[in-house]
Amino acid sequence: MNILVVEDNRHMRRMLSEMMRSAFVSSIVVEAEDASSALRLCRDIHFELVLLDVALPDGNGVALTAEIKLLNPVPKVVIVSNNRARTCQDAAADAGAEAYVFKDEVYEKLLPVLALVLDR
């Protein structure tokens, strides 16, 4: 499985990538620090899973979710964000995100959410 982690904070990006490598051992994990890099990667690589922050230096993760889904509806997009606004969560779902996990709950909730999203 190809996994894309889109996060502008280097520490959080690396932590999420390591979580994915540990949980999905045979997967390839690719990192992007901004929306434009993520979109370029999605044009070149078929991803099955995208972990995506909302607040990116050059764009909004919700809008990026919609763009990714237009390119290819297959990837499961899971938002990982500090933004707790219900309107943001609803907008992410409307854009095609399968789930929304708060960053301060990543250790407890991300892997169980991914199990549901990926049907494993």
PDB file of N, CA and C in Angstrom:
ATOM      1  N   MET A   1       0.845  -1.173   0.000  1.00  0.00           N
ATOM      2  CA  MET A   1       0.000   0.000   0.000  1.00  0.00           C
ATOM      3  C   MET A   1       0.894   1.241   0.000  1.00  0.00           C
ATOM      4  N   ASN A   2       0.529   2.216  -0.805  1.00  0.00           N
ATOM      5  CA  ASN A   2       1.213   3.506  -0.838  1.00  0.00           C
ATOM      6  C   ASN A   2       0.455   4.492   0.049  1.00  0.00           C
ATOM      7  N   ILE A   3       1.178   5.128   0.953  1.00  0.00           N
ATOM      8  CA  ILE A   3       0.594   6.065   1.909  1.00  0.00           C
ATOM      9  C   ILE A   3       1.280   7.414   1.753  1.00  0.00           C
ATOM     10  N   LEU A   4       0.485   8.473   1.716  1.00  0.00           N
ATOM     11  CA  LEU A   4       1.005   9.833   1.664  1.00  0.00           C
ATOM     12  C   LEU A   4       0.678  10.536   2.972  1.00  0.00           C
ATOM     13  N   VAL A   5       1.690  11.127   3.606  1.00  0.00           N
ATOM     14  CA  VAL A   5       1.520  11.908   4.826  1.00  0.00           C
ATOM     15  C   VAL A   5       1.793  13.367   4.470  1.00  0.00           C
ATOM     16  N   VAL A   6       0.773  14.217   4.606  1.00  0.00           N
ATOM     17  CA  VAL A   6       0.888  15.627   4.266  1.00  0.00           C
ATOM     18  C   VAL A   6       0.769  16.441   5.556  1.00  0.00           C
ATOM     19  N   GLU A   7       1.889  17.008   5.970  1.00  0.00           N
ATOM     20  CA  GLU A   7       1.953  17.735   7.246  1.00  0.00           C
ATOM     21  C   GLU A   7       3.110  18.716   7.176  1.00  0.00           C
ATOM     22  N   ASP A   8       2.864  19.991   7.502  1.00  0.00           N
ATOM     23  CA  ASP A   8       3.927  20.983   7.418  1.00  0.00           C
ATOM     24  C   ASP A   8       4.869  20.950   8.613  1.00  0.00           C
ATOM     25  N   ASN A   9       4.420  20.460   9.758  1.00  0.00           N
ATOM     26  CA  ASN A   9       5.276  20.355  10.932  1.00  0.00           C
ATOM     27  C   ASN A   9       6.151  19.110  10.795  1.00  0.00           C
ATOM     28  N   ARG A  10       7.467  19.314  10.697  1.00  0.00           N
ATOM     29  CA  ARG A  10       8.393  18.196  10.439  1.00  0.00           C
ATOM     30  C   ARG A  10       8.288  17.098  11.491  1.00  0.00           C
ATOM     31  N   HIS A  11       8.228  17.484  12.750  1.00  0.00           N
ATOM     32  CA  HIS A  11       8.153  16.490  13.825  1.00  0.00           C
ATOM     33  C   HIS A  11       6.883  15.640  13.704  1.00  0.00           C
ATOM     34  N   MET A  12       5.754  16.293  13.497  1.00  0.00           N
ATOM     35  CA  MET A  12       4.484  15.569  13.369  1.00  0.00           C
ATOM     36  C   MET A  12       4.474  14.712  12.119  1.00  0.00           C
ATOM     37  N   ARG A  13       5.031  15.227  11.024  1.00  0.00           N
ATOM     38  CA  ARG A  13       5.093  14.467   9.770  1.00  0.00           C
ATOM     39  C   ARG A  13       5.897  13.185   9.953  1.00  0.00           C
ATOM     40  N   ARG A  14       7.045  13.306  10.587  1.00  0.00           N
ATOM     41  CA  ARG A  14       7.893  12.123  10.812  1.00  0.00           C
ATOM     42  C   ARG A  14       7.222  11.124  11.751  1.00  0.00           C
ATOM     43  N   MET A  15       6.556  11.638  12.800  1.00  0.00           N
ATOM     44  CA  MET A  15       5.875  10.759  13.740  1.00  0.00           C
ATOM     45  C   MET A  15       4.747   9.989  13.043  1.00  0.00           C
ATOM     46  N   LEU A  16       3.964  10.679  12.240  1.00  0.00           N
ATOM     47  CA  LEU A  16       2.896  10.003  11.508  1.00  0.00           C
ATOM     48  C   LEU A  16       3.465   8.985  10.517  1.00  0.00           C
ATOM     49  N   SER A  17       4.535   9.354   9.851  1.00  0.00           N
ATOM     50  CA  SER A  17       5.160   8.427   8.895  1.00  0.00           C
ATOM     51  C   SER A  17       5.669   7.177   9.601  1.00  0.00           C
ATOM     52  N   GLU A  18       6.292   7.350  10.745  1.00  0.00           N
ATOM     53  CA  GLU A  18       6.786   6.197  11.508  1.00  0.00           C
ATOM     54  C   GLU A  18       5.634   5.323  11.995  1.00  0.00           C
ATOM     55  N   MET A  19       4.551   5.949  12.414  1.00  0.00           N
ATOM     56  CA  MET A  19       3.366   5.175  12.808  1.00  0.00           C
ATOM     57  C   MET A  19       2.874   4.318  11.643  1.00  0.00           C
ATOM     58  N   MET A  20       2.848   4.913  10.458  1.00  0.00           N
ATOM     59  CA  MET A  20       2.367   4.186   9.277  1.00  0.00           C
ATOM     60  C   MET A  20       3.328   3.052   8.913  1.00  0.00           C
ATOM     61  N   ARG A  21       4.622   3.317   8.983  1.00  0.00           N
ATOM     62  CA  ARG A  21       5.604   2.268   8.666  1.00  0.00           C
ATOM     63  C   ARG A  21       5.513   1.109   9.649  1.00  0.00           C
ATOM     64  N   SER A  22       5.245   1.401  10.908  1.00  0.00           N
ATOM     65  CA  SER A  22       5.126   0.352  11.925  1.00  0.00           C
ATOM     66  C   SER A  22       3.820  -0.424  11.777  1.00  0.00           C
ATOM     67  N   ALA A  23       2.746   0.282  11.487  1.00  0.00           N
ATOM     68  CA  ALA A  23       1.435  -0.363  11.393  1.00  0.00           C
ATOM     69  C   ALA A  23       1.238  -1.116  10.078  1.00  0.00           C
ATOM     70  N   PHE A  24       1.831  -0.611   9.004  1.00  0.00           N
ATOM     71  CA  PHE A  24       1.669  -1.196   7.676  1.00  0.00           C
ATOM     72  C   PHE A  24       3.062  -1.487   7.124  1.00  0.00           C
ATOM     73  N   VAL A  25       3.655  -2.548   7.613  1.00  0.00           N
ATOM     74  CA  VAL A  25       5.067  -2.847   7.414  1.00  0.00           C
ATOM     75  C   VAL A  25       5.474  -2.914   5.938  1.00  0.00           C
ATOM     76  N   SER A  26       4.666  -3.462   5.109  1.00  0.00           N
ATOM     77  CA  SER A  26       5.056  -3.623   3.701  1.00  0.00           C
ATOM     78  C   SER A  26       4.689  -2.406   2.847  1.00  0.00           C
ATOM     79  N   SER A  27       4.230  -1.348   3.470  1.00  0.00           N
ATOM     80  CA  SER A  27       3.797  -0.155   2.740  1.00  0.00           C
ATOM     81  C   SER A  27       4.953   0.779   2.411  1.00  0.00           C
ATOM     82  N   ILE A  28       4.713   1.608   1.423  1.00  0.00           N
ATOM     83  CA  ILE A  28       5.635   2.685   1.075  1.00  0.00           C
ATOM     84  C   ILE A  28       5.000   3.974   1.582  1.00  0.00           C
ATOM     85  N   VAL A  29       5.741   4.698   2.421  1.00  0.00           N
ATOM     86  CA  VAL A  29       5.235   5.940   3.002  1.00  0.00           C
ATOM     87  C   VAL A  29       6.002   7.106   2.388  1.00  0.00           C
ATOM     88  N   VAL A  30       5.266   8.042   1.814  1.00  0.00           N
ATOM     89  CA  VAL A  30       5.832   9.215   1.168  1.00  0.00           C
ATOM     90  C   VAL A  30       5.364  10.438   1.955  1.00  0.00           C
ATOM     91  N   GLU A  31       6.244  11.425   2.096  1.00  0.00           N
ATOM     92  CA  GLU A  31       5.924  12.620   2.861  1.00  0.00           C
ATOM     93  C   GLU A  31       5.853  13.852   1.956  1.00  0.00           C
ATOM     94  N   ALA A  32       4.941  14.767   2.329  1.00  0.00           N
ATOM     95  CA  ALA A  32       4.854  16.076   1.682  1.00  0.00           C
ATOM     96  C   ALA A  32       4.628  17.111   2.769  1.00  0.00           C
ATOM     97  N   GLU A  33       5.261  18.282   2.586  1.00  0.00           N
ATOM     98  CA  GLU A  33       5.135  19.328   3.608  1.00  0.00           C
ATOM     99  C   GLU A  33       4.169  20.436   3.227  1.00  0.00           C
ATOM    100  N   ASP A  34       3.603  20.355   2.030  1.00  0.00           N
ATOM    101  CA  ASP A  34       2.658  21.396   1.618  1.00  0.00           C
ATOM    102  C   ASP A  34       1.691  20.840   0.573  1.00  0.00           C
ATOM    103  N   ALA A  35       0.670  21.630   0.283  1.00  0.00           N
ATOM    104  CA  ALA A  35      -0.389  21.190  -0.628  1.00  0.00           C
ATOM    105  C   ALA A  35       0.103  20.982  -2.055  1.00  0.00           C
ATOM    106  N   SER A  36       0.949  21.892  -2.544  1.00  0.00           N
ATOM    107  CA  SER A  36       1.407  21.764  -3.930  1.00  0.00           C
ATOM    108  C   SER A  36       2.247  20.499  -4.124  1.00  0.00           C
ATOM    109  N   SER A  37       3.111  20.187  -3.181  1.00  0.00           N
ATOM    110  CA  SER A  37       3.907  18.951  -3.260  1.00  0.00           C
ATOM    111  C   SER A  37       3.002  17.725  -3.196  1.00  0.00           C
ATOM    112  N   ALA A  38       2.014  17.779  -2.318  1.00  0.00           N
ATOM    113  CA  ALA A  38       1.087  16.644  -2.184  1.00  0.00           C
ATOM    114  C   ALA A  38       0.321  16.410  -3.475  1.00  0.00           C
ATOM    115  N   LEU A  39      -0.157  17.474  -4.086  1.00  0.00           N
ATOM    116  CA  LEU A  39      -0.913  17.336  -5.331  1.00  0.00           C
ATOM    117  C   LEU A  39      -0.034  16.783  -6.450  1.00  0.00           C
ATOM    118  N   ARG A  40       1.204  17.273  -6.534  1.00  0.00           N
ATOM    119  CA  ARG A  40       2.151  16.737  -7.530  1.00  0.00           C
ATOM    120  C   ARG A  40       2.360  15.238  -7.316  1.00  0.00           C
ATOM    121  N   LEU A  41       2.561  14.834  -6.070  1.00  0.00           N
ATOM    122  CA  LEU A  41       2.764  13.415  -5.770  1.00  0.00           C
ATOM    123  C   LEU A  41       1.534  12.596  -6.136  1.00  0.00           C
ATOM    124  N   CYS A  42       0.349  13.128  -5.868  1.00  0.00           N
ATOM    125  CA  CYS A  42      -0.881  12.393  -6.188  1.00  0.00           C
ATOM    126  C   CYS A  42      -1.087  12.241  -7.691  1.00  0.00           C
ATOM    127  N   ARG A  43      -0.499  13.129  -8.469  1.00  0.00           N
ATOM    128  CA  ARG A  43      -0.568  12.994  -9.931  1.00  0.00           C
ATOM    129  C   ARG A  43       0.361  11.885 -10.421  1.00  0.00           C
ATOM    130  N   ASP A  44       1.449  11.648  -9.685  1.00  0.00           N
ATOM    131  CA  ASP A  44       2.474  10.699 -10.125  1.00  0.00           C
ATOM    132  C   ASP A  44       2.379   9.314  -9.495  1.00  0.00           C
ATOM    133  N   ILE A  45       1.810   9.242  -8.304  1.00  0.00           N
ATOM    134  CA  ILE A  45       1.791   7.987  -7.546  1.00  0.00           C
ATOM    135  C   ILE A  45       0.357   7.661  -7.152  1.00  0.00           C
ATOM    136  N   HIS A  46       0.008   6.395  -7.255  1.00  0.00           N
ATOM    137  CA  HIS A  46      -1.315   5.939  -6.835  1.00  0.00           C
ATOM    138  C   HIS A  46      -1.262   5.644  -5.332  1.00  0.00           C
ATOM    139  N   PHE A  47      -1.908   6.469  -4.528  1.00  0.00           N
ATOM    140  CA  PHE A  47      -1.954   6.264  -3.079  1.00  0.00           C
ATOM    141  C   PHE A  47      -3.276   5.614  -2.684  1.00  0.00           C
ATOM    142  N   GLU A  48      -3.194   4.706  -1.728  1.00  0.00           N
ATOM    143  CA  GLU A  48      -4.411   4.101  -1.181  1.00  0.00           C
ATOM    144  C   GLU A  48      -4.879   4.851   0.064  1.00  0.00           C
ATOM    145  N   LEU A  49      -3.924   5.530   0.744  1.00  0.00           N
ATOM    146  CA  LEU A  49      -4.247   6.249   1.967  1.00  0.00           C
ATOM    147  C   LEU A  49      -3.497   7.574   1.987  1.00  0.00           C
ATOM    148  N   VAL A  50      -4.209   8.648   2.374  1.00  0.00           N
ATOM    149  CA  VAL A  50      -3.601   9.964   2.527  1.00  0.00           C
ATOM    150  C   VAL A  50      -3.962  10.490   3.910  1.00  0.00           C
ATOM    151  N   LEU A  51      -2.935  10.792   4.716  1.00  0.00           N
ATOM    152  CA  LEU A  51      -3.132  11.482   5.983  1.00  0.00           C
ATOM    153  C   LEU A  51      -2.834  12.940   5.717  1.00  0.00           C
ATOM    154  N   LEU A  52      -3.733  13.820   6.123  1.00  0.00           N
ATOM    155  CA  LEU A  52      -3.683  15.184   5.633  1.00  0.00           C
ATOM    156  C   LEU A  52      -4.028  16.188   6.723  1.00  0.00           C
ATOM    157  N   ASP A  53      -3.150  17.164   6.920  1.00  0.00           N
ATOM    158  CA  ASP A  53      -3.412  18.269   7.833  1.00  0.00           C
ATOM    159  C   ASP A  53      -4.321  19.280   7.145  1.00  0.00           C
ATOM    160  N   VAL A  54      -5.055  20.058   7.930  1.00  0.00           N
ATOM    161  CA  VAL A  54      -5.917  21.090   7.349  1.00  0.00           C
ATOM    162  C   VAL A  54      -5.120  22.351   7.050  1.00  0.00           C
ATOM    163  N   ALA A  55      -4.318  22.782   8.019  1.00  0.00           N
ATOM    164  CA  ALA A  55      -3.579  24.041   7.880  1.00  0.00           C
ATOM    165  C   ALA A  55      -2.216  23.789   7.250  1.00  0.00           C
ATOM    166  N   LEU A  56      -2.107  24.096   5.971  1.00  0.00           N
ATOM    167  CA  LEU A  56      -0.858  23.918   5.239  1.00  0.00           C
ATOM    168  C   LEU A  56      -0.362  25.292   4.792  1.00  0.00           C
ATOM    169  N   PRO A  57       0.947  25.460   4.631  1.00  0.00           N
ATOM    170  CA  PRO A  57       1.482  26.784   4.313  1.00  0.00           C
ATOM    171  C   PRO A  57       0.988  27.369   2.993  1.00  0.00           C
ATOM    172  N   ASP A  58       0.618  26.517   2.057  1.00  0.00           N
ATOM    173  CA  ASP A  58       0.198  27.019   0.744  1.00  0.00           C
ATOM    174  C   ASP A  58      -1.203  26.575   0.359  1.00  0.00           C
ATOM    175  N   GLY A  59      -1.987  26.174   1.329  1.00  0.00           N
ATOM    176  CA  GLY A  59      -3.338  25.751   0.998  1.00  0.00           C
ATOM    177  C   GLY A  59      -4.077  25.179   2.181  1.00  0.00           C
ATOM    178  N   ASN A  60      -5.278  24.754   1.897  1.00  0.00           N
ATOM    179  CA  ASN A  60      -6.165  24.213   2.900  1.00  0.00           C
ATOM    180  C   ASN A  60      -6.355  22.723   2.632  1.00  0.00           C
ATOM    181  N   GLY A  61      -6.197  21.914   3.665  1.00  0.00           N
ATOM    182  CA  GLY A  61      -6.319  20.476   3.511  1.00  0.00           C
ATOM    183  C   GLY A  61      -7.693  20.013   3.078  1.00  0.00           C
ATOM    184  N   VAL A  62      -8.722  20.768   3.428  1.00  0.00           N
ATOM    185  CA  VAL A  62     -10.075  20.409   2.996  1.00  0.00           C
ATOM    186  C   VAL A  62     -10.190  20.574   1.486  1.00  0.00           C
ATOM    187  N   ALA A  63      -9.726  21.710   0.966  1.00  0.00           N
ATOM    188  CA  ALA A  63      -9.739  21.923  -0.481  1.00  0.00           C
ATOM    189  C   ALA A  63      -8.854  20.891  -1.181  1.00  0.00           C
ATOM    190  N   LEU A  64      -7.719  20.569  -0.569  1.00  0.00           N
ATOM    191  CA  LEU A  64      -6.820  19.574  -1.145  1.00  0.00           C
ATOM    192  C   LEU A  64      -7.478  18.197  -1.190  1.00  0.00           C
ATOM    193  N   THR A  65      -8.268  17.881  -0.183  1.00  0.00           N
ATOM    194  CA  THR A  65      -9.005  16.607  -0.187  1.00  0.00           C
ATOM    195  C   THR A  65      -9.867  16.502  -1.439  1.00  0.00           C
ATOM    196  N   ALA A  66     -10.602  17.558  -1.725  1.00  0.00           N
ATOM    197  CA  ALA A  66     -11.457  17.562  -2.914  1.00  0.00           C
ATOM    198  C   ALA A  66     -10.641  17.419  -4.191  1.00  0.00           C
ATOM    199  N   GLU A  67      -9.502  18.100  -4.256  1.00  0.00           N
ATOM    200  CA  GLU A  67      -8.641  18.003  -5.442  1.00  0.00           C
ATOM    201  C   GLU A  67      -8.092  16.591  -5.610  1.00  0.00           C
ATOM    202  N   ILE A  68      -7.679  15.981  -4.519  1.00  0.00           N
ATOM    203  CA  ILE A  68      -7.166  14.607  -4.574  1.00  0.00           C
ATOM    204  C   ILE A  68      -8.256  13.668  -5.058  1.00  0.00           C
ATOM    205  N   LYS A  69      -9.455  13.829  -4.545  1.00  0.00           N
ATOM    206  CA  LYS A  69     -10.569  12.954  -4.934  1.00  0.00           C
ATOM    207  C   LYS A  69     -10.962  13.153  -6.400  1.00  0.00           C
ATOM    208  N   LEU A  70     -10.771  14.367  -6.928  1.00  0.00           N
ATOM    209  CA  LEU A  70     -11.034  14.593  -8.352  1.00  0.00           C
ATOM    210  C   LEU A  70     -10.009  13.877  -9.224  1.00  0.00           C
ATOM    211  N   LEU A  71      -8.753  13.881  -8.767  1.00  0.00           N
ATOM    212  CA  LEU A  71      -7.705  13.178  -9.511  1.00  0.00           C
ATOM    213  C   LEU A  71      -7.930  11.673  -9.498  1.00  0.00           C
ATOM    214  N   ASN A  72      -8.310  11.171  -8.325  1.00  0.00           N
ATOM    215  CA  ASN A  72      -8.462   9.730  -8.144  1.00  0.00           C
ATOM    216  C   ASN A  72      -9.354   9.501  -6.929  1.00  0.00           C
ATOM    217  N   PRO A  73     -10.539   8.939  -7.108  1.00  0.00           N
ATOM    218  CA  PRO A  73     -11.448   8.744  -5.973  1.00  0.00           C
ATOM    219  C   PRO A  73     -11.056   7.592  -5.043  1.00  0.00           C
ATOM    220  N   VAL A  74     -10.041   6.819  -5.393  1.00  0.00           N
ATOM    221  CA  VAL A  74      -9.669   5.629  -4.636  1.00  0.00           C
ATOM    222  C   VAL A  74      -9.041   5.911  -3.267  1.00  0.00           C
ATOM    223  N   PRO A  75      -8.101   6.858  -3.150  1.00  0.00           N
ATOM    224  CA  PRO A  75      -7.428   7.004  -1.855  1.00  0.00           C
ATOM    225  C   PRO A  75      -8.398   7.334  -0.721  1.00  0.00           C
ATOM    226  N   LYS A  76      -8.179   6.686   0.402  1.00  0.00           N
ATOM    227  CA  LYS A  76      -8.905   7.020   1.623  1.00  0.00           C
ATOM    228  C   LYS A  76      -8.171   8.209   2.233  1.00  0.00           C
ATOM    229  N   VAL A  77      -8.880   9.304   2.460  1.00  0.00           N
ATOM    230  CA  VAL A  77      -8.281  10.505   3.036  1.00  0.00           C
ATOM    231  C   VAL A  77      -8.727  10.616   4.489  1.00  0.00           C
ATOM    232  N   VAL A  78      -7.741  10.718   5.369  1.00  0.00           N
ATOM    233  CA  VAL A  78      -8.014  10.912   6.790  1.00  0.00           C
ATOM    234  C   VAL A  78      -7.354  12.219   7.201  1.00  0.00           C
ATOM    235  N   ILE A  79      -8.165  13.142   7.708  1.00  0.00           N
ATOM    236  CA  ILE A  79      -7.661  14.423   8.178  1.00  0.00           C
ATOM    237  C   ILE A  79      -7.092  14.234   9.584  1.00  0.00           C
ATOM    238  N   VAL A  80      -5.896  14.776   9.799  1.00  0.00           N
ATOM    239  CA  VAL A  80      -5.267  14.782  11.125  1.00  0.00           C
ATOM    240  C   VAL A  80      -4.960  16.243  11.414  1.00  0.00           C
ATOM    241  N   SER A  81      -5.724  16.834  12.339  1.00  0.00           N
ATOM    242  CA  SER A  81      -5.649  18.288  12.503  1.00  0.00           C
ATOM    243  C   SER A  81      -5.886  18.724  13.941  1.00  0.00           C
ATOM    244  N   ASN A  82      -5.421  19.918  14.246  1.00  0.00           N
ATOM    245  CA  ASN A  82      -5.738  20.565  15.517  1.00  0.00           C
ATOM    246  C   ASN A  82      -7.060  21.316  15.449  1.00  0.00           C
ATOM    247  N   ASN A  83      -7.579  21.526  14.266  1.00  0.00           N
ATOM    248  CA  ASN A  83      -8.804  22.298  14.088  1.00  0.00           C
ATOM    249  C   ASN A  83     -10.005  21.481  14.554  1.00  0.00           C
ATOM    250  N   ARG A  84     -10.619  21.920  15.634  1.00  0.00           N
ATOM    251  CA  ARG A  84     -11.758  21.202  16.221  1.00  0.00           C
ATOM    252  C   ARG A  84     -13.114  21.770  15.794  1.00  0.00           C
ATOM    253  N   ALA A  85     -13.105  22.756  14.932  1.00  0.00           N
ATOM    254  CA  ALA A  85     -14.371  23.376  14.516  1.00  0.00           C
ATOM    255  C   ALA A  85     -15.240  22.352  13.786  1.00  0.00           C
ATOM    256  N   ARG A  86     -16.480  22.249  14.218  1.00  0.00           N
ATOM    257  CA  ARG A  86     -17.419  21.306  13.600  1.00  0.00           C
ATOM    258  C   ARG A  86     -17.595  21.633  12.116  1.00  0.00           C
ATOM    259  N   THR A  87     -17.561  22.924  11.778  1.00  0.00           N
ATOM    260  CA  THR A  87     -17.713  23.307  10.375  1.00  0.00           C
ATOM    261  C   THR A  87     -16.564  22.767   9.524  1.00  0.00           C
ATOM    262  N   CYS A  88     -15.361  22.725  10.089  1.00  0.00           N
ATOM    263  CA  CYS A  88     -14.207  22.181   9.366  1.00  0.00           C
ATOM    264  C   CYS A  88     -14.359  20.672   9.185  1.00  0.00           C
ATOM    265  N   GLN A  89     -14.805  19.997  10.227  1.00  0.00           N
ATOM    266  CA  GLN A  89     -15.012  18.551  10.144  1.00  0.00           C
ATOM    267  C   GLN A  89     -16.079  18.215   9.105  1.00  0.00           C
ATOM    268  N   ASP A  90     -17.170  18.984   9.111  1.00  0.00           N
ATOM    269  CA  ASP A  90     -18.239  18.762   8.131  1.00  0.00           C
ATOM    270  C   ASP A  90     -17.753  19.051   6.709  1.00  0.00           C
ATOM    271  N   ALA A  91     -16.981  20.127   6.543  1.00  0.00           N
ATOM    272  CA  ALA A  91     -16.446  20.474   5.221  1.00  0.00           C
ATOM    273  C   ALA A  91     -15.503  19.386   4.717  1.00  0.00           C
ATOM    274  N   ALA A  92     -14.696  18.831   5.625  1.00  0.00           N
ATOM    275  CA  ALA A  92     -13.788  17.746   5.237  1.00  0.00           C
ATOM    276  C   ALA A  92     -14.571  16.527   4.760  1.00  0.00           C
ATOM    277  N   ALA A  93     -15.622  16.183   5.479  1.00  0.00           N
ATOM    278  CA  ALA A  93     -16.461  15.051   5.067  1.00  0.00           C
ATOM    279  C   ALA A  93     -17.117  15.329   3.718  1.00  0.00           C
ATOM    280  N   ASP A  94     -17.611  16.557   3.544  1.00  0.00           N
ATOM    281  CA  ASP A  94     -18.228  16.927   2.260  1.00  0.00           C
ATOM    282  C   ASP A  94     -17.224  16.862   1.114  1.00  0.00           C
ATOM    283  N   ALA A  95     -15.957  17.152   1.394  1.00  0.00           N
ATOM    284  CA  ALA A  95     -14.910  17.124   0.364  1.00  0.00           C
ATOM    285  C   ALA A  95     -14.466  15.701   0.036  1.00  0.00           C
ATOM    286  N   GLY A  96     -14.851  14.731   0.874  1.00  0.00           N
ATOM    287  CA  GLY A  96     -14.511  13.344   0.586  1.00  0.00           C
ATOM    288  C   GLY A  96     -13.634  12.656   1.617  1.00  0.00           C
ATOM    289  N   ALA A  97     -13.314  13.342   2.716  1.00  0.00           N
ATOM    290  CA  ALA A  97     -12.499  12.694   3.761  1.00  0.00           C
ATOM    291  C   ALA A  97     -13.315  11.608   4.443  1.00  0.00           C
ATOM    292  N   GLU A  98     -12.670  10.478   4.672  1.00  0.00           N
ATOM    293  CA  GLU A  98     -13.354   9.354   5.319  1.00  0.00           C
ATOM    294  C   GLU A  98     -13.382   9.489   6.833  1.00  0.00           C
ATOM    295  N   ALA A  99     -12.431  10.240   7.401  1.00  0.00           N
ATOM    296  CA  ALA A  99     -12.376  10.382   8.860  1.00  0.00           C
ATOM    297  C   ALA A  99     -11.605  11.637   9.221  1.00  0.00           C
ATOM    298  N   TYR A 100     -11.735  12.017  10.484  1.00  0.00           N
ATOM    299  CA  TYR A 100     -11.114  13.233  11.006  1.00  0.00           C
ATOM    300  C   TYR A 100     -10.611  12.897  12.407  1.00  0.00           C
ATOM    301  N   VAL A 101      -9.306  13.029  12.617  1.00  0.00           N
ATOM    302  CA  VAL A 101      -8.695  12.701  13.908  1.00  0.00           C
ATOM    303  C   VAL A 101      -7.965  13.941  14.418  1.00  0.00           C
ATOM    304  N   PHE A 102      -8.172  14.263  15.694  1.00  0.00           N
ATOM    305  CA  PHE A 102      -7.466  15.391  16.294  1.00  0.00           C
ATOM    306  C   PHE A 102      -6.040  14.983  16.630  1.00  0.00           C
ATOM    307  N   LYS A 103      -5.110  15.901  16.410  1.00  0.00           N
ATOM    308  CA  LYS A 103      -3.696  15.593  16.620  1.00  0.00           C
ATOM    309  C   LYS A 103      -3.387  15.137  18.038  1.00  0.00           C
ATOM    310  N   ASP A 104      -4.072  15.707  19.025  1.00  0.00           N
ATOM    311  CA  ASP A 104      -3.785  15.308  20.406  1.00  0.00           C
ATOM    312  C   ASP A 104      -4.379  13.948  20.756  1.00  0.00           C
ATOM    313  N   GLU A 105      -5.088  13.328  19.810  1.00  0.00           N
ATOM    314  CA  GLU A 105      -5.658  11.994  20.019  1.00  0.00           C
ATOM    315  C   GLU A 105      -5.074  10.953  19.064  1.00  0.00           C
ATOM    316  N   VAL A 106      -4.024  11.328  18.350  1.00  0.00           N
ATOM    317  CA  VAL A 106      -3.451  10.455  17.329  1.00  0.00           C
ATOM    318  C   VAL A 106      -3.033   9.101  17.896  1.00  0.00           C
ATOM    319  N   TYR A 107      -2.338   9.112  19.024  1.00  0.00           N
ATOM    320  CA  TYR A 107      -1.832   7.848  19.571  1.00  0.00           C
ATOM    321  C   TYR A 107      -2.951   6.901  19.967  1.00  0.00           C
ATOM    322  N   GLU A 108      -4.062   7.431  20.431  1.00  0.00           N
ATOM    323  CA  GLU A 108      -5.168   6.577  20.864  1.00  0.00           C
ATOM    324  C   GLU A 108      -6.118   6.208  19.730  1.00  0.00           C
ATOM    325  N   LYS A 109      -6.324   7.124  18.794  1.00  0.00           N
ATOM    326  CA  LYS A 109      -7.428   6.940  17.853  1.00  0.00           C
ATOM    327  C   LYS A 109      -7.057   6.686  16.398  1.00  0.00           C
ATOM    328  N   LEU A 110      -5.856   7.088  15.970  1.00  0.00           N
ATOM    329  CA  LEU A 110      -5.566   7.004  14.534  1.00  0.00           C
ATOM    330  C   LEU A 110      -5.604   5.570  14.013  1.00  0.00           C
ATOM    331  N   LEU A 111      -4.912   4.660  14.654  1.00  0.00           N
ATOM    332  CA  LEU A 111      -4.879   3.286  14.125  1.00  0.00           C
ATOM    333  C   LEU A 111      -6.252   2.611  14.153  1.00  0.00           C
ATOM    334  N   PRO A 112      -7.052   2.756  15.222  1.00  0.00           N
ATOM    335  CA  PRO A 112      -8.406   2.189  15.155  1.00  0.00           C
ATOM    336  C   PRO A 112      -9.266   2.817  14.055  1.00  0.00           C
ATOM    337  N   VAL A 113      -9.128   4.112  13.841  1.00  0.00           N
ATOM    338  CA  VAL A 113      -9.870   4.772  12.771  1.00  0.00           C
ATOM    339  C   VAL A 113      -9.430   4.233  11.415  1.00  0.00           C
ATOM    340  N   LEU A 114      -8.121   4.070  11.238  1.00  0.00           N
ATOM    341  CA  LEU A 114      -7.618   3.529   9.971  1.00  0.00           C
ATOM    342  C   LEU A 114      -8.096   2.111   9.728  1.00  0.00           C
ATOM    343  N   ALA A 115      -8.197   1.310  10.779  1.00  0.00           N
ATOM    344  CA  ALA A 115      -8.705  -0.050  10.634  1.00  0.00           C
ATOM    345  C   ALA A 115     -10.138  -0.036  10.087  1.00  0.00           C
ATOM    346  N   LEU A 116     -10.942   0.899  10.585  1.00  0.00           N
ATOM    347  CA  LEU A 116     -12.321   1.027  10.077  1.00  0.00           C
ATOM    348  C   LEU A 116     -12.338   1.544   8.648  1.00  0.00           C
ATOM    349  N   VAL A 117     -11.564   2.588   8.388  1.00  0.00           N
ATOM    350  CA  VAL A 117     -11.547   3.220   7.064  1.00  0.00           C
ATOM    351  C   VAL A 117     -11.049   2.243   5.997  1.00  0.00           C
ATOM    352  N   LEU A 118     -10.014   1.499   6.350  1.00  0.00           N
ATOM    353  CA  LEU A 118      -9.417   0.556   5.388  1.00  0.00           C
ATOM    354  C   LEU A 118     -10.100  -0.811   5.416  1.00  0.00           C
ATOM    355  N   ASP A 119     -11.084  -0.955   6.308  1.00  0.00           N
ATOM    356  CA  ASP A 119     -11.837  -2.212   6.431  1.00  0.00           C
ATOM    357  C   ASP A 119     -10.932  -3.397   6.723  1.00  0.00           C
ATOM    358  N   ARG A 120     -10.067  -3.222   7.769  1.00  0.00           N
ATOM    359  CA  ARG A 120      -9.137  -4.284   8.132  1.00  0.00           C
ATOM    360  C   ARG A 120      -9.373  -4.748   9.542  1.00  0.00           C
TER     361      ARG A 120
END
